Amino acid sequence: MIPNFNDFPNSAPSSTLNPSRPAPITGGGVTLFIALYEYDARTEDDLSFQKGEKFHIINNTEGDWWEARSLDTGKSGYIPSNYVAPVDSIQAEEWYFGKMGRKDAERQLLAQDNPRGTFLIRESETTKGAYSLSVRDWDDAKGDHVKHYKIRKLDNGGYYITTRTQFDTVQELVEHYTGQCSNDGLCCYLTKACPNATPQTMGLGRDAWEIARETLQLNRKLGQGCFGDVWMGMWNGTTKVAVKTLKPGTMSPEAFLDEAQIMKRLRHDKLVQLYAVVSEEPIYIITEFMTQGSLLDFLKDGDGRNLKLPQLVDMAAQIAAGMAYIERMNYIHRDLRAANILVGDSLVCKIADFGLARLIEDNEYTARQGAKFPIKWTAPEAALYGKFTIKSDVWSFGILLTELITKGRVPYPGMNNREVLEQVERGYRMPCPQGCPASLHELMVQCWRKDPDERHTFEYLQSFLEDYFTATEPQYQPGENL
């Protein structure tokens, strides 16, 4: 199924890091832009810049990379468009995180070293043109937690959290609640903007899609599978990347290139970003590099061995969020399991290898019964009849949940592939793993319903898992003394 690319959301976090608001500057009636992050040029056409540099945009018609001239250095070149924002706009504020969900806001704010009063502002998920304020708080009963406030918009364009205190701009609202002796109706006064990591660029560079093999240096093998290896590497001597090398004959280069055109347009912060390809055999797939490797290895042999249930459920919620995006885009993963999830810093999880399984031409794999085929993760209708849908991905997600809870144990322990296929057809389902809450096992069983239409959507799975420990809490706090 082909996604509709006419209305493609740009899901890269539009978070920003500009410490002080400069006065508005325009050049001949043209809006000037300011750098939110620093950037080191990767090619001769790129422009290196420091955070806070101002630019005149020469050409912004080529999508993700804009031609710009720095007012600080006078140099011209291409810059990643998601690294800049109009001077004096809300996007240029260090506390503005743009399109971000409630759960991701909580993840960022609850990261270590953020004091009480650390905050961010994001687009409202429910009200167009409005915003949400998310603040890290602490009390004896709950310890560290996050409170969310709606920033409502007045008909005349002003903003307020409590009706008695109104502001012309969101910036004025933030100034009012920052460093106050009184919190004026909030849980606490705002102390500092939430730190935010530099985002991934959209691709390696302006024209860096099909790249030459010689531009890649493979430095360290990270893993190997039936169809190839994964390496940590460098592109152009400048950029750390992950490189998946496919054994010749694994798939048709033409079919792969067609599919890769779709895959590179799938952009979400819970999907590993496809950067570039080497399209002659052996095919190379170049993606963003994830520091902790595969979720499977992380759970079995890495720091994941010590994770507790809240962290495991949060990782499951992240994976469900990425799959909910794939669901919205009418795409199918086909090979969802812990080995195909990658882990970064701060327990960030991203989905990898989406869509690749369809292209594999190995007979032992396409017959769906050889040792190379992941029977234990595959829904019966897909394993028996080749009916892969987003609902067969939901089945696989239920199996992945068992991998999380058991720290990477192979599903259906003690059973071979043939036995699994036969037993599942007869109605057998894995029992509740040791230490797994009954409500979470019930969710797994619902993912394994025989009728695909009776399985949950990923949208439901995401909301269930995100709210797993907070189902009784109100989503938004009222400002006090309204």
Protein backbone atom coordinates (compact mmCIF):
# COMPACT_ATOMS: atom_id res chain seq x y z
CA MET A 1 0.00 0.00 0.00
CA ILE A 2 1.45 3.37 -1.00
CA PRO A 3 1.23 6.27 1.46
CA ASN A 4 -0.42 9.52 0.44
CA PHE A 5 2.46 11.92 0.02
CA ASN A 6 0.33 14.96 -0.82
CA ASP A 7 0.02 15.88 2.82
CA PHE A 8 3.22 14.72 4.46
CA PRO A 9 3.67 15.87 8.04
CA ASN A 10 7.17 16.94 8.91
CA SER A 11 7.55 15.05 12.15
CA ALA A 12 11.06 16.12 12.99
CA PRO A 13 10.93 17.89 16.36
CA SER A 14 10.90 21.61 15.69
CA SER A 15 12.51 22.28 19.04
CA THR A 16 14.89 25.17 19.34
CA LEU A 17 17.75 26.49 21.44
CA ASN A 18 18.16 30.25 21.21
CA PRO A 19 19.14 31.69 24.59
CA SER A 20 18.08 35.30 24.08
CA ARG A 21 15.50 36.87 21.88
CA PRO A 22 17.19 39.26 19.47
CA ALA A 23 15.47 42.35 18.20
CA PRO A 24 13.65 41.75 14.92
CA ILE A 25 15.89 42.23 11.91
CA THR A 26 14.83 42.36 8.30
CA GLY A 27 16.90 42.89 5.20
CA GLY A 28 15.12 44.80 2.48
CA GLY A 29 11.74 43.52 3.64
CA VAL A 30 13.00 39.93 3.75
CA THR A 31 12.64 37.97 6.98
CA LEU A 32 15.99 37.01 8.43
CA PHE A 33 16.59 33.61 10.00
CA ILE A 34 18.62 32.66 13.06
CA ALA A 35 20.55 29.43 13.72
CA LEU A 36 19.09 27.36 16.54
CA TYR A 37 22.03 24.93 16.63
CA GLU A 38 25.58 24.85 15.37
CA TYR A 39 26.33 22.89 12.21
CA ASP A 40 29.58 21.62 10.70
CA ALA A 41 29.62 21.47 6.90
CA ARG A 42 29.70 17.95 5.44
CA THR A 43 30.24 18.82 1.78
CA GLU A 44 31.82 21.64 -0.23
CA ASP A 45 28.34 23.10 -0.86
CA ASP A 46 27.36 23.25 2.83
CA LEU A 47 27.79 26.22 5.13
CA SER A 48 29.21 25.75 8.63
CA PHE A 49 27.61 28.00 11.24
CA GLN A 50 27.35 28.70 14.95
CA LYS A 51 24.21 28.83 17.03
CA GLY A 52 22.86 32.39 16.94
CA GLU A 53 24.21 33.27 13.46
CA LYS A 54 21.76 35.18 11.27
CA PHE A 55 21.04 34.41 7.63
CA HIS A 56 19.50 35.86 4.55
CA ILE A 57 17.78 32.99 2.72
CA ILE A 58 18.63 33.03 -1.00
CA ASN A 59 16.60 30.00 -2.11
CA ASN A 60 14.21 27.89 -0.03
CA THR A 61 12.47 26.04 -2.87
CA GLU A 62 14.52 22.84 -2.65
CA GLY A 63 12.87 21.37 0.42
CA ASP A 64 15.05 20.37 3.33
CA TRP A 65 18.22 22.28 2.41
CA TRP A 66 18.15 26.02 1.82
CA GLU A 67 20.70 28.24 0.12
CA ALA A 68 21.63 30.99 2.57
CA ARG A 69 24.14 33.77 3.19
CA SER A 70 25.46 34.31 6.71
CA LEU A 71 25.32 37.93 7.86
CA ASP A 72 28.07 37.09 10.37
CA THR A 73 30.65 35.66 7.93
CA GLY A 74 29.36 36.81 4.54
CA LYS A 75 29.69 33.24 3.22
CA SER A 76 26.98 31.46 1.22
CA GLY A 77 26.05 27.79 1.05
CA TYR A 78 23.39 25.24 1.88
CA ILE A 79 22.00 24.87 5.41
CA PRO A 80 19.56 22.33 6.91
CA SER A 81 16.20 24.11 7.05
CA ASN A 82 15.22 22.51 10.37
CA TYR A 83 18.22 24.18 12.06
CA VAL A 84 16.94 27.75 11.59
CA ALA A 85 13.85 29.83 12.37
CA PRO A 86 12.70 33.37 11.57
CA VAL A 87 14.33 35.93 13.87
CA ASP A 88 12.01 36.98 16.71
CA SER A 89 9.48 34.22 15.98
CA ILE A 90 8.22 31.82 18.63
CA GLN A 91 10.12 29.07 16.76
CA ALA A 92 13.36 30.87 17.62
CA GLU A 93 12.77 30.58 21.37
CA GLU A 94 14.86 28.02 23.25
CA TRP A 95 11.79 26.86 25.18
CA TYR A 96 9.64 26.26 22.08
CA PHE A 97 9.51 22.60 21.05
CA GLY A 98 6.87 22.82 18.31
CA LYS A 99 5.00 19.67 17.39
CA MET A 100 5.57 17.40 20.37
CA GLY A 101 3.19 15.07 22.22
CA ARG A 102 2.49 15.14 25.94
CA LYS A 103 4.43 11.94 26.61
CA ASP A 104 7.54 13.09 24.75
CA ALA A 105 7.42 16.36 26.69
CA GLU A 106 7.41 14.35 29.93
CA ARG A 107 10.34 12.22 28.73
CA GLN A 108 12.41 15.32 27.97
CA LEU A 109 11.56 17.16 31.19
CA LEU A 110 12.11 14.15 33.46
CA ALA A 111 15.60 13.57 32.08
CA GLN A 112 18.31 13.72 34.72
CA ASP A 113 19.65 17.05 35.99
CA ASN A 114 16.57 19.11 35.11
CA PRO A 115 15.52 21.09 38.23
CA ARG A 116 11.97 21.82 39.34
CA GLY A 117 10.48 24.53 37.13
CA THR A 118 12.22 23.34 33.94
CA PHE A 119 9.67 23.93 31.18
CA LEU A 120 8.87 23.83 27.49
CA ILE A 121 6.05 25.07 25.29
CA ARG A 122 4.64 22.99 22.45
CA GLU A 123 1.79 23.09 19.97
CA SER A 124 -1.52 22.02 21.46
CA GLU A 125 -2.44 18.52 20.29
CA THR A 126 -6.16 19.32 20.45
CA THR A 127 -6.64 23.04 19.72
CA LYS A 128 -5.31 24.57 16.50
CA GLY A 129 -3.34 27.76 17.10
CA ALA A 130 -3.08 27.18 20.86
CA TYR A 131 -0.15 25.94 22.93
CA SER A 132 0.59 23.77 25.97
CA LEU A 133 3.03 24.60 28.76
CA SER A 134 4.72 21.56 30.34
CA VAL A 135 6.56 22.06 33.66
CA ARG A 136 8.67 19.73 35.78
CA ASP A 137 7.40 19.73 39.38
CA TRP A 138 8.09 17.88 42.62
CA ASP A 139 6.12 17.06 45.75
CA ASP A 140 6.32 14.55 48.60
CA ALA A 141 3.50 12.40 47.29
CA LYS A 142 4.55 12.00 43.65
CA GLY A 143 8.21 12.94 43.61
CA ASP A 144 9.37 14.28 40.22
CA HIS A 145 6.53 14.62 37.72
CA VAL A 146 5.29 16.91 34.94
CA LYS A 147 2.26 19.19 34.92
CA HIS A 148 0.65 20.47 31.72
CA TYR A 149 -1.23 23.75 31.28
CA LYS A 150 -3.24 24.91 28.30
CA ILE A 151 -2.22 28.29 26.92
CA ARG A 152 -5.49 29.55 25.49
CA LYS A 153 -5.83 32.11 22.73
CA LEU A 154 -8.14 35.11 22.96
CA ASP A 155 -10.25 36.23 20.01
CA ASN A 156 -8.19 39.43 19.86
CA GLY A 157 -4.95 37.42 19.59
CA GLY A 158 -3.78 37.49 23.21
CA TYR A 159 -2.83 34.48 25.35
CA TYR A 160 -3.59 33.32 28.89
CA ILE A 161 -3.40 30.38 31.28
CA THR A 162 -5.62 32.02 33.90
CA THR A 163 -8.23 34.51 32.69
CA ARG A 164 -7.15 37.22 35.13
CA THR A 165 -3.62 37.45 33.66
CA GLN A 166 -3.51 37.96 29.88
CA PHE A 167 -0.60 38.66 27.53
CA ASP A 168 -0.12 39.95 23.99
CA THR A 169 2.44 37.25 23.13
CA VAL A 170 3.51 33.85 24.40
CA GLN A 171 6.96 35.35 25.01
CA GLU A 172 5.44 37.87 27.46
CA LEU A 173 3.56 35.06 29.18
CA VAL A 174 6.80 33.13 29.67
CA GLU A 175 8.58 36.22 31.02
CA HIS A 176 5.76 36.76 33.54
CA TYR A 177 5.95 33.22 34.94
CA THR A 178 9.77 33.04 34.91
CA GLY A 179 11.67 33.96 38.04
CA GLN A 180 8.55 35.20 39.82
CA CYS A 181 8.54 35.35 43.57
CA SER A 182 5.00 34.04 43.21
CA ASN A 183 4.01 31.27 40.83
CA ASP A 184 0.77 33.16 40.09
CA GLY A 185 -1.44 30.09 39.77
CA LEU A 186 1.10 27.59 38.38
CA CYS A 187 2.55 24.68 40.36
CA CYS A 188 5.85 26.60 40.60
CA TYR A 189 7.56 29.45 38.78
CA LEU A 190 9.45 28.65 35.58
CA THR A 191 13.19 28.31 36.10
CA LYS A 192 14.84 27.28 32.83
CA ALA A 193 14.05 26.07 29.34
CA CYS A 194 14.27 22.32 28.86
CA PRO A 195 17.54 21.35 27.12
CA ASN A 196 17.12 19.73 23.76
CA ALA A 197 19.38 17.62 21.57
CA THR A 198 20.39 18.76 18.10
CA PRO A 199 17.92 17.19 15.65
CA GLN A 200 18.78 14.90 12.75
CA THR A 201 19.15 16.69 9.43
CA MET A 202 16.78 15.60 6.68
CA GLY A 203 19.22 13.51 4.70
CA LEU A 204 23.00 13.86 4.65
CA GLY A 205 23.05 16.86 2.35
CA ARG A 206 21.27 18.60 -0.50
CA ASP A 207 22.22 16.10 -3.23
CA ALA A 208 23.35 13.18 -1.07
CA TRP A 209 20.77 10.46 -1.77
CA GLU A 210 22.43 7.93 -4.10
CA ILE A 211 26.02 8.15 -2.94
CA ALA A 212 29.30 6.60 -4.04
CA ARG A 213 30.60 3.65 -2.04
CA GLU A 214 34.01 5.36 -1.81
CA THR A 215 32.51 8.15 0.32
CA LEU A 216 31.82 5.62 3.10
CA GLN A 217 34.30 4.31 5.63
CA LEU A 218 33.14 1.22 7.57
CA ASN A 219 34.77 1.43 11.01
CA ARG A 220 33.21 -1.10 13.35
CA LYS A 221 30.87 -4.04 12.77
CA LEU A 222 27.85 -3.68 15.05
CA GLY A 223 25.99 -6.86 14.12
CA GLN A 224 25.23 -9.39 11.43
CA GLY A 225 22.15 -11.18 10.17
CA CYS A 226 21.07 -13.63 7.50
CA PHE A 227 21.14 -11.01 4.77
CA GLY A 228 24.03 -8.74 5.69
CA ASP A 229 25.93 -6.79 8.32
CA VAL A 230 25.49 -3.50 10.16
CA TRP A 231 28.46 -1.16 10.61
CA MET A 232 29.24 2.09 12.32
CA GLY A 233 30.83 4.27 9.67
CA MET A 234 31.72 7.75 8.47
CA TRP A 235 30.38 9.47 5.38
CA ASN A 236 32.61 11.95 3.54
CA GLY A 237 35.00 11.92 6.49
CA THR A 238 32.58 14.20 8.35
CA THR A 239 29.42 12.42 9.49
CA LYS A 240 28.91 9.38 11.74
CA VAL A 241 26.32 7.01 10.25
CA ALA A 242 25.11 3.42 10.45
CA VAL A 243 25.55 1.33 7.29
CA LYS A 244 23.58 -1.84 6.53
CA THR A 245 25.35 -3.91 3.87
CA LEU A 246 23.18 -6.43 2.01
CA LYS A 247 24.59 -9.64 0.56
CA PRO A 248 24.39 -9.68 -3.26
CA GLY A 249 21.21 -11.38 -4.43
CA THR A 250 19.22 -10.48 -1.30
CA MET A 251 16.92 -8.18 -3.27
CA SER A 252 16.64 -6.51 -6.65
CA PRO A 253 18.46 -3.16 -6.69
CA GLU A 254 15.65 -1.69 -8.83
CA ALA A 255 12.92 -2.83 -6.43
CA PHE A 256 14.97 -1.61 -3.48
CA LEU A 257 15.45 1.85 -4.99
CA ASP A 258 11.71 2.16 -5.65
CA GLU A 259 10.89 1.19 -2.06
CA ALA A 260 13.65 3.38 -0.65
CA GLN A 261 12.04 6.42 -2.29
CA ILE A 262 9.00 5.76 -0.11
CA MET A 263 11.02 4.85 2.98
CA LYS A 264 13.01 8.08 2.91
CA ARG A 265 9.76 10.08 2.98
CA LEU A 266 8.63 8.37 6.18
CA ARG A 267 9.78 10.80 8.83
CA HIS A 268 8.99 10.50 12.50
CA ASP A 269 11.16 10.82 15.57
CA LYS A 270 10.46 7.19 16.49
CA LEU A 271 11.63 5.90 13.08
CA VAL A 272 15.31 5.54 12.22
CA GLN A 273 15.91 8.05 9.45
CA LEU A 274 17.05 6.71 6.10
CA TYR A 275 19.83 9.05 4.93
CA ALA A 276 21.17 7.62 1.67
CA VAL A 277 21.79 4.48 -0.40
CA VAL A 278 24.47 2.84 -2.49
CA SER A 279 22.27 1.36 -5.18
CA GLU A 280 24.63 -1.06 -6.95
CA GLU A 281 25.20 -4.44 -5.38
CA PRO A 282 26.19 -4.97 -2.71
CA ILE A 283 23.45 -2.53 -1.68
CA TYR A 284 24.31 -0.24 1.25
CA ILE A 285 21.61 1.43 3.34
CA ILE A 286 22.84 4.49 5.26
CA THR A 287 20.86 5.63 8.31
CA GLU A 288 21.27 7.71 11.43
CA PHE A 289 23.52 6.08 14.02
CA MET A 290 21.96 4.89 17.30
CA THR A 291 24.41 4.66 20.20
CA GLN A 292 23.05 1.61 22.05
CA GLY A 293 22.45 -0.72 19.09
CA SER A 294 19.54 -3.12 18.73
CA LEU A 295 16.91 -3.40 21.46
CA LEU A 296 17.44 -7.17 21.55
CA ASP A 297 21.17 -6.86 22.33
CA PHE A 298 20.48 -3.98 24.73
CA LEU A 299 18.03 -6.11 26.74
CA LYS A 300 20.15 -9.27 26.75
CA ASP A 301 23.68 -7.97 27.14
CA GLY A 302 23.57 -4.20 27.66
CA ASP A 303 22.24 -1.76 30.24
CA GLY A 304 18.71 -2.92 29.42
CA ARG A 305 19.20 -5.93 31.70
CA ASN A 306 18.56 -3.66 34.71
CA LEU A 307 15.47 -1.86 33.44
CA LYS A 308 12.28 -1.91 35.52
CA LEU A 309 8.68 -2.13 34.31
CA PRO A 310 8.01 1.65 33.94
CA GLN A 311 11.01 2.03 31.63
CA LEU A 312 10.09 -1.08 29.61
CA VAL A 313 6.50 0.13 29.18
CA ASP A 314 7.78 3.56 28.11
CA MET A 315 9.97 1.92 25.45
CA ALA A 316 6.94 -0.06 24.27
CA ALA A 317 4.96 3.20 24.07
CA GLN A 318 7.68 4.78 21.90
CA ILE A 319 7.61 1.82 19.52
CA ALA A 320 3.80 1.98 19.38
CA ALA A 321 4.03 5.71 18.58
CA GLY A 322 6.33 5.01 15.62
CA MET A 323 4.06 2.20 14.42
CA ALA A 324 1.00 4.47 14.79
CA TYR A 325 2.71 6.83 12.34
CA ILE A 326 3.37 3.92 9.94
CA GLU A 327 -0.33 3.02 10.36
CA ARG A 328 -1.41 6.60 9.51
CA MET A 329 0.79 6.53 6.41
CA ASN A 330 -0.84 3.30 5.16
CA TYR A 331 2.51 1.54 5.28
CA ILE A 332 3.41 -1.91 6.69
CA HIS A 333 6.58 -2.93 8.53
CA ARG A 334 6.41 -6.74 7.99
CA ASP A 335 9.29 -7.59 10.35
CA LEU A 336 8.59 -5.93 13.69
CA ARG A 337 10.68 -7.42 16.52
CA ALA A 338 13.24 -6.32 19.11
CA ALA A 339 16.14 -7.03 16.72
CA ASN A 340 14.75 -4.34 14.39
CA ILE A 341 14.36 -1.65 17.05
CA LEU A 342 17.37 0.56 17.77
CA VAL A 343 18.14 2.28 21.07
CA GLY A 344 19.82 5.65 21.54
CA ASP A 345 20.75 7.73 24.56
CA SER A 346 18.20 8.21 27.37
CA LEU A 347 16.31 5.02 26.35
CA VAL A 348 15.08 6.53 23.08
CA CYS A 349 13.71 3.79 20.80
CA LYS A 350 13.40 3.98 17.02
CA ILE A 351 12.00 1.52 14.50
CA ALA A 352 14.38 0.27 11.79
CA ASP A 353 14.12 -1.88 8.65
CA PHE A 354 10.50 -0.96 7.92
CA GLY A 355 9.33 -2.26 4.54
CA LEU A 356 12.53 -4.14 3.67
CA ALA A 357 11.20 -7.67 4.30
CA ARG A 358 8.85 -7.48 1.29
CA LEU A 359 11.82 -7.18 -1.06
CA ILE A 360 13.83 -10.21 0.08
CA GLU A 361 14.20 -12.73 -2.74
CA ASP A 362 15.83 -15.60 -0.81
CA ASN A 363 13.77 -18.76 -1.49
CA GLU A 364 14.12 -20.00 2.06
CA TYR A 365 12.67 -16.69 3.27
CA THR A 366 9.93 -16.21 0.68
CA ALA A 367 8.63 -19.74 1.32
CA ARG A 368 7.91 -18.49 4.88
CA GLN A 369 9.06 -21.76 6.41
CA GLY A 370 12.86 -21.72 6.29
CA ALA A 371 15.12 -20.95 9.23
CA LYS A 372 15.58 -17.38 7.99
CA PHE A 373 11.90 -16.48 8.29
CA PRO A 374 10.78 -15.02 11.69
CA ILE A 375 7.83 -17.40 12.20
CA LYS A 376 7.60 -16.78 15.94
CA TRP A 377 6.87 -13.08 15.36
CA THR A 378 4.55 -13.51 12.38
CA ALA A 379 0.75 -13.51 12.49
CA PRO A 380 -0.78 -16.82 11.30
CA GLU A 381 -2.53 -15.28 8.27
CA ALA A 382 0.80 -13.79 7.16
CA ALA A 383 2.85 -16.93 7.85
CA LEU A 384 0.37 -19.30 6.18
CA TYR A 385 -1.10 -17.21 3.36
CA GLY A 386 1.23 -14.23 2.93
CA LYS A 387 -1.45 -11.75 4.09
CA PHE A 388 0.69 -8.98 5.57
CA THR A 389 -1.21 -5.93 6.84
CA ILE A 390 -0.82 -3.38 9.61
CA LYS A 391 -2.84 -5.88 11.70
CA SER A 392 -0.17 -8.55 11.24
CA ASP A 393 2.27 -5.89 12.50
CA VAL A 394 0.04 -5.57 15.60
CA TRP A 395 0.44 -9.32 16.21
CA SER A 396 4.22 -8.92 15.96
CA PHE A 397 4.07 -6.01 18.40
CA GLY A 398 2.42 -8.31 20.95
CA ILE A 399 5.36 -10.71 20.57
CA LEU A 400 7.80 -7.80 20.90
CA LEU A 401 6.14 -6.92 24.23
CA THR A 402 7.11 -10.38 25.52
CA GLU A 403 10.71 -9.72 24.42
CA LEU A 404 10.72 -6.48 26.41
CA ILE A 405 9.27 -8.01 29.58
CA THR A 406 11.56 -11.08 29.47
CA LYS A 407 14.69 -9.03 28.58
CA GLY A 408 15.15 -10.56 25.15
CA ARG A 409 14.06 -14.17 25.64
CA VAL A 410 13.17 -15.96 22.39
CA PRO A 411 9.36 -16.23 22.12
CA TYR A 412 7.66 -19.61 22.68
CA PRO A 413 10.61 -21.07 24.63
CA GLY A 414 11.17 -24.77 23.99
CA MET A 415 9.14 -24.82 20.76
CA ASN A 416 10.48 -24.93 17.20
CA ASN A 417 8.98 -22.99 14.30
CA ARG A 418 6.76 -25.83 13.07
CA GLU A 419 5.38 -26.45 16.56
CA VAL A 420 4.65 -22.75 17.02
CA LEU A 421 2.73 -22.56 13.74
CA GLU A 422 0.66 -25.65 14.57
CA GLN A 423 -0.04 -24.69 18.19
CA VAL A 424 -0.96 -21.08 17.39
CA GLU A 425 -3.38 -22.29 14.71
CA ARG A 426 -5.02 -24.45 17.38
CA GLY A 427 -5.47 -21.42 19.62
CA TYR A 428 -2.37 -21.60 21.83
CA ARG A 429 -1.07 -18.24 23.08
CA MET A 430 1.97 -17.55 25.25
CA PRO A 431 1.13 -17.43 28.97
CA CYS A 432 1.82 -14.38 31.11
CA PRO A 433 5.61 -13.99 31.49
CA GLN A 434 7.04 -13.93 35.00
CA GLY A 435 6.82 -10.47 36.52
CA CYS A 436 4.41 -9.20 33.85
CA PRO A 437 1.23 -7.48 35.11
CA ALA A 438 -1.99 -9.23 34.08
CA SER A 439 -3.24 -6.07 32.32
CA LEU A 440 -0.16 -6.01 30.09
CA HIS A 441 -0.52 -9.71 29.25
CA GLU A 442 -4.16 -9.06 28.40
CA LEU A 443 -2.98 -6.40 25.93
CA MET A 444 -0.64 -8.98 24.33
CA VAL A 445 -3.48 -11.49 24.01
CA GLN A 446 -5.63 -8.82 22.34
CA CYS A 447 -2.81 -8.31 19.80
CA TRP A 448 -2.98 -12.06 19.09
CA ARG A 449 -6.67 -12.36 18.27
CA LYS A 450 -7.25 -14.77 15.41
CA ASP A 451 -9.37 -12.31 13.43
CA PRO A 452 -7.05 -9.47 12.35
CA ASP A 453 -9.93 -6.96 12.42
CA GLU A 454 -10.41 -7.61 16.14
CA ARG A 455 -6.84 -6.60 16.98
CA HIS A 456 -6.22 -3.10 18.32
CA THR A 457 -4.92 -0.22 16.25
CA PHE A 458 -1.44 1.12 16.99
CA GLU A 459 -3.12 4.43 17.84
CA TYR A 460 -4.92 2.62 20.67
CA LEU A 461 -1.78 0.74 21.74
CA GLN A 462 0.17 3.98 21.91
CA SER A 463 -2.40 5.74 24.10
CA PHE A 464 -2.84 2.67 26.35
CA LEU A 465 0.89 2.33 26.96
CA GLU A 466 1.57 6.07 27.33
CA ASP A 467 -1.13 6.27 30.02
CA TYR A 468 -0.38 2.88 31.60
CA PHE A 469 0.78 4.34 34.92
CA THR A 470 -1.23 7.59 34.86
CA ALA A 471 -4.74 6.52 33.86
CA THR A 472 -6.25 8.29 36.89
CA GLU A 473 -4.44 11.63 36.46
CA PRO A 474 -6.07 14.60 34.69
CA GLN A 475 -4.19 15.43 31.48
CA TYR A 476 -4.16 19.18 32.09
CA GLN A 477 -3.91 21.20 35.30
CA PRO A 478 -6.20 24.15 35.88
CA GLY A 479 -4.35 27.34 36.69
CA GLU A 480 -5.34 28.15 40.28
CA ASN A 481 -7.45 31.14 41.34
CA LEU A 482 -9.20 31.41 37.97
